[in-house]
Amino acid sequence: AVLRTQLALGYIAAGESDQAVAQLEDAVDLGGVGEADILLVLTHLQRHEYGKALAAARAIATKQPKNPVPHNLMAAAYLGNKDRAAARREFQQALKIDPGFAPAHANLAKLDELDGDRASAKREYQLILDKDAQNVAAMLGLARLADAADQQQPALDWLERARSKAPDALEPSLLLARYHLSHDEPLKALSISQDLSSRYPVNPLVLEI
């Protein structure tokens, strides 16, 4: 099972998803490893085979009823089928299993944003930070919410905090530079982008900024 999983990874890297699925299905049938089960779901999702992804994720949930991950994967399959209500139920089920499971909180926040419920999205991001004060993705989510509500100072504060927590990460610095550009502060954007260019000298997004 382990060898078939490794072989599937090679097929995925080569873009040969049919062979990858076949190897992963064999690995799962052999009693497999957790990695094979999850890779099989992810491969089906990548191929837009949402029904197969859902079935594979349910199989994981049956084998591992105390694991929140398969419910997160089932939700992704439901989202692929445009069923946001079912996806929300699966994210909530993941949190019943593990209230601190950050991916489910983050995904619920994104659904709340799509539904226009910024207050609920903010609560979800804050719950992540209550458990993990270093979670940069949650900070960026809060910055996005503040910007959408035209709360410029909180948006800037969250972007700067995210950048300070992950100074080598690309996204926080890019977003902060774009914020300064959109607020007619090109010199501040230039300073940030010059700092980024030392670490990402050929990144097209950095060059664009």
Protein backbone atom coordinates (compact mmCIF):
# COMPACT_ATOMS: atom_id res chain seq x y z
CA ALA A 1 0.00 0.00 0.00
CA VAL A 2 2.82 2.40 0.86
CA LEU A 3 4.61 1.69 -2.41
CA ARG A 4 1.43 2.16 -4.44
CA THR A 5 0.85 5.49 -2.69
CA GLN A 6 4.36 6.64 -3.57
CA LEU A 7 3.85 5.49 -7.15
CA ALA A 8 0.59 7.46 -7.28
CA LEU A 9 2.45 10.58 -6.16
CA GLY A 10 4.78 10.13 -9.12
CA TYR A 11 1.84 9.80 -11.49
CA ILE A 12 0.23 12.92 -10.00
CA ALA A 13 3.46 14.86 -10.48
CA ALA A 14 3.57 13.66 -14.10
CA GLY A 15 -0.03 14.72 -14.68
CA GLU A 16 -1.16 11.12 -15.23
CA SER A 17 -4.21 11.20 -12.99
CA ASP A 18 -5.86 8.04 -14.38
CA GLN A 19 -2.88 5.93 -13.31
CA ALA A 20 -2.70 7.80 -10.00
CA VAL A 21 -6.33 7.01 -9.19
CA ALA A 22 -5.84 3.34 -10.05
CA GLN A 23 -2.82 3.05 -7.75
CA LEU A 24 -4.55 4.91 -4.92
CA GLU A 25 -7.65 2.74 -5.19
CA ASP A 26 -5.43 -0.35 -4.97
CA ALA A 27 -3.60 1.12 -1.95
CA VAL A 28 -6.90 1.79 -0.18
CA ASP A 29 -8.17 -1.71 -1.01
CA LEU A 30 -4.97 -3.17 0.47
CA GLY A 31 -5.81 -1.64 3.81
CA GLY A 32 -3.76 1.33 2.84
CA VAL A 33 -2.45 4.24 4.79
CA GLY A 34 -4.22 7.48 5.64
CA GLU A 35 -2.22 9.30 3.02
CA ALA A 36 -3.57 7.10 0.22
CA ASP A 37 -7.19 7.66 1.25
CA ILE A 38 -6.79 11.43 1.37
CA LEU A 39 -4.83 11.59 -1.89
CA LEU A 40 -7.57 9.61 -3.61
CA VAL A 41 -10.17 12.16 -2.52
CA LEU A 42 -7.95 15.08 -3.53
CA THR A 43 -7.27 13.55 -6.93
CA HIS A 44 -10.99 13.09 -7.59
CA LEU A 45 -11.58 16.69 -6.53
CA GLN A 46 -8.86 17.88 -8.89
CA ARG A 47 -10.53 15.95 -11.72
CA HIS A 48 -13.94 17.45 -10.81
CA GLU A 49 -15.25 13.95 -10.00
CA TYR A 50 -17.22 15.18 -7.02
CA GLY A 51 -19.41 12.12 -6.59
CA LYS A 52 -16.38 9.84 -6.43
CA ALA A 53 -14.61 12.27 -4.08
CA LEU A 54 -17.63 12.26 -1.78
CA ALA A 55 -17.78 8.47 -1.72
CA ALA A 56 -14.05 8.18 -0.98
CA ALA A 57 -14.28 10.77 1.80
CA ARG A 58 -17.26 8.96 3.35
CA ALA A 59 -15.21 5.77 3.37
CA ILE A 60 -12.51 7.55 5.37
CA ALA A 61 -15.13 8.86 7.82
CA THR A 62 -16.41 5.32 8.32
CA LYS A 63 -12.91 4.07 9.10
CA GLN A 64 -11.97 7.11 11.21
CA PRO A 65 -15.15 8.43 12.86
CA LYS A 66 -13.21 10.70 15.24
CA ASN A 67 -11.22 12.38 12.47
CA PRO A 68 -12.55 15.79 11.29
CA VAL A 69 -10.58 15.72 8.02
CA PRO A 70 -12.94 13.51 5.98
CA HIS A 71 -15.83 15.84 6.77
CA ASN A 72 -13.76 18.75 5.46
CA LEU A 73 -13.14 16.72 2.30
CA MET A 74 -16.84 15.84 1.94
CA ALA A 75 -17.63 19.54 2.22
CA ALA A 76 -15.18 20.27 -0.59
CA ALA A 77 -16.98 17.73 -2.78
CA TYR A 78 -20.34 19.31 -1.97
CA LEU A 79 -18.93 22.73 -2.85
CA GLY A 80 -17.81 21.31 -6.17
CA ASN A 81 -21.44 20.39 -6.78
CA LYS A 82 -22.56 23.90 -5.71
CA ASP A 83 -24.32 22.55 -2.62
CA ARG A 84 -23.26 25.10 -0.01
CA ALA A 85 -25.86 24.01 2.55
CA ALA A 86 -24.53 20.44 2.59
CA ALA A 87 -20.95 21.73 2.71
CA ARG A 88 -21.78 23.89 5.71
CA ARG A 89 -23.25 20.85 7.53
CA GLU A 90 -20.04 18.89 6.95
CA PHE A 91 -17.83 21.74 8.18
CA GLN A 92 -20.02 21.95 11.29
CA GLN A 93 -19.76 18.19 11.78
CA ALA A 94 -15.97 18.47 11.61
CA LEU A 95 -16.12 21.04 14.41
CA LYS A 96 -18.34 18.80 16.52
CA ILE A 97 -15.56 16.23 16.35
CA ASP A 98 -12.79 18.77 16.95
CA PRO A 99 -13.90 22.30 17.96
CA GLY A 100 -10.37 23.58 17.34
CA PHE A 101 -10.10 22.29 13.76
CA ALA A 102 -8.95 25.49 12.03
CA PRO A 103 -9.62 24.47 8.39
CA ALA A 104 -13.32 24.00 9.11
CA HIS A 105 -13.52 27.39 10.86
CA ALA A 106 -11.74 29.02 7.91
CA ASN A 107 -14.03 27.36 5.37
CA LEU A 108 -17.14 28.35 7.31
CA ALA A 109 -15.84 31.91 7.38
CA LYS A 110 -15.47 31.86 3.60
CA LEU A 111 -19.02 30.56 3.21
CA ASP A 112 -20.23 33.31 5.53
CA GLU A 113 -18.41 35.87 3.38
CA LEU A 114 -20.12 34.49 0.27
CA ASP A 115 -23.46 34.72 2.06
CA GLY A 116 -22.75 38.32 3.08
CA ASP A 117 -22.64 37.49 6.81
CA ARG A 118 -19.48 39.37 7.76
CA ALA A 119 -20.18 39.24 11.50
CA SER A 120 -20.32 35.44 11.48
CA ALA A 121 -17.21 35.23 9.28
CA LYS A 122 -15.37 37.49 11.71
CA ARG A 123 -16.33 35.23 14.62
CA GLU A 124 -14.99 32.17 12.79
CA TYR A 125 -11.64 33.84 12.05
CA GLN A 126 -11.41 35.07 15.63
CA LEU A 127 -12.03 31.53 16.93
CA ILE A 128 -9.01 30.41 14.90
CA LEU A 129 -6.85 33.13 16.44
CA ASP A 130 -8.09 32.27 19.91
CA LYS A 131 -6.52 28.83 19.44
CA ASP A 132 -3.57 29.91 17.29
CA ALA A 133 -2.48 33.53 17.65
CA GLN A 134 0.04 33.05 14.82
CA ASN A 135 -2.48 31.99 12.17
CA VAL A 136 -1.71 34.32 9.27
CA ALA A 137 -4.60 33.12 7.08
CA ALA A 138 -7.10 34.17 9.74
CA MET A 139 -5.46 37.59 10.01
CA LEU A 140 -5.72 38.05 6.25
CA GLY A 141 -9.36 37.01 6.40
CA LEU A 142 -10.05 39.65 9.05
CA ALA A 143 -8.19 42.23 6.96
CA ARG A 144 -10.36 41.38 3.96
CA LEU A 145 -13.53 41.70 6.03
CA ALA A 146 -12.43 45.06 7.44
CA ASP A 147 -11.58 46.35 3.97
CA ALA A 148 -14.96 45.20 2.62
CA ALA A 149 -16.64 47.15 5.43
CA ASP A 150 -14.52 50.21 4.57
CA GLN A 151 -12.75 49.97 7.94
CA GLN A 152 -9.38 51.06 6.63
CA GLN A 153 -7.36 51.26 9.82
CA PRO A 154 -8.35 47.79 11.11
CA ALA A 155 -7.66 46.37 7.63
CA LEU A 156 -4.19 47.92 7.63
CA ASP A 157 -3.53 46.75 11.20
CA TRP A 158 -4.37 43.15 10.34
CA LEU A 159 -2.22 43.21 7.18
CA GLU A 160 0.73 44.62 9.09
CA ARG A 161 0.26 42.08 11.87
CA ALA A 162 0.15 39.23 9.34
CA ARG A 163 3.33 40.47 7.70
CA SER A 164 5.10 40.78 11.06
CA LYS A 165 4.14 37.20 11.97
CA ALA A 166 5.29 35.81 8.60
CA PRO A 167 7.89 38.26 7.23
CA ASP A 168 9.18 35.75 4.65
CA ALA A 169 5.73 34.77 3.36
CA LEU A 170 4.69 36.15 -0.02
CA GLU A 171 0.95 36.77 0.39
CA PRO A 172 0.88 39.11 3.44
CA SER A 173 3.51 41.41 1.96
CA LEU A 174 1.88 41.44 -1.47
CA LEU A 175 -1.50 42.29 0.01
CA LEU A 176 0.02 45.04 2.13
CA ALA A 177 1.81 46.51 -0.89
CA ARG A 178 -1.43 46.44 -2.88
CA TYR A 179 -3.23 48.12 -0.01
CA HIS A 180 -0.74 51.00 -0.09
CA LEU A 181 -1.02 51.25 -3.87
CA SER A 182 -4.80 51.43 -3.69
CA HIS A 183 -4.53 54.21 -1.08
CA ASP A 184 -2.15 56.35 -3.14
CA GLU A 185 0.94 55.46 -1.10
CA PRO A 186 3.29 54.17 -3.82
CA LEU A 187 6.50 54.75 -1.87
CA LYS A 188 5.33 52.45 0.92
CA ALA A 189 4.34 49.85 -1.67
CA LEU A 190 7.74 50.23 -3.32
CA SER A 191 9.57 49.70 -0.03
CA ILE A 192 7.67 46.47 0.64
CA SER A 193 8.10 45.17 -2.91
CA GLN A 194 11.84 45.91 -2.90
CA ASP A 195 12.11 43.89 0.30
CA LEU A 196 10.18 41.06 -1.34
CA SER A 197 12.32 41.14 -4.48
CA SER A 198 15.38 40.13 -2.49
CA ARG A 199 13.66 36.83 -1.65
CA TYR A 200 11.53 36.39 -4.78
CA PRO A 201 13.63 38.02 -7.53
CA VAL A 202 11.80 36.40 -10.47
CA ASN A 203 8.29 36.11 -9.05
CA PRO A 204 5.93 37.79 -11.55
CA LEU A 205 3.57 39.08 -8.84
CA VAL A 206 6.45 40.78 -7.05
CA LEU A 207 7.73 42.23 -10.31
CA GLU A 208 4.26 43.53 -11.13
CA ILE A 209 3.98 45.36 -7.80
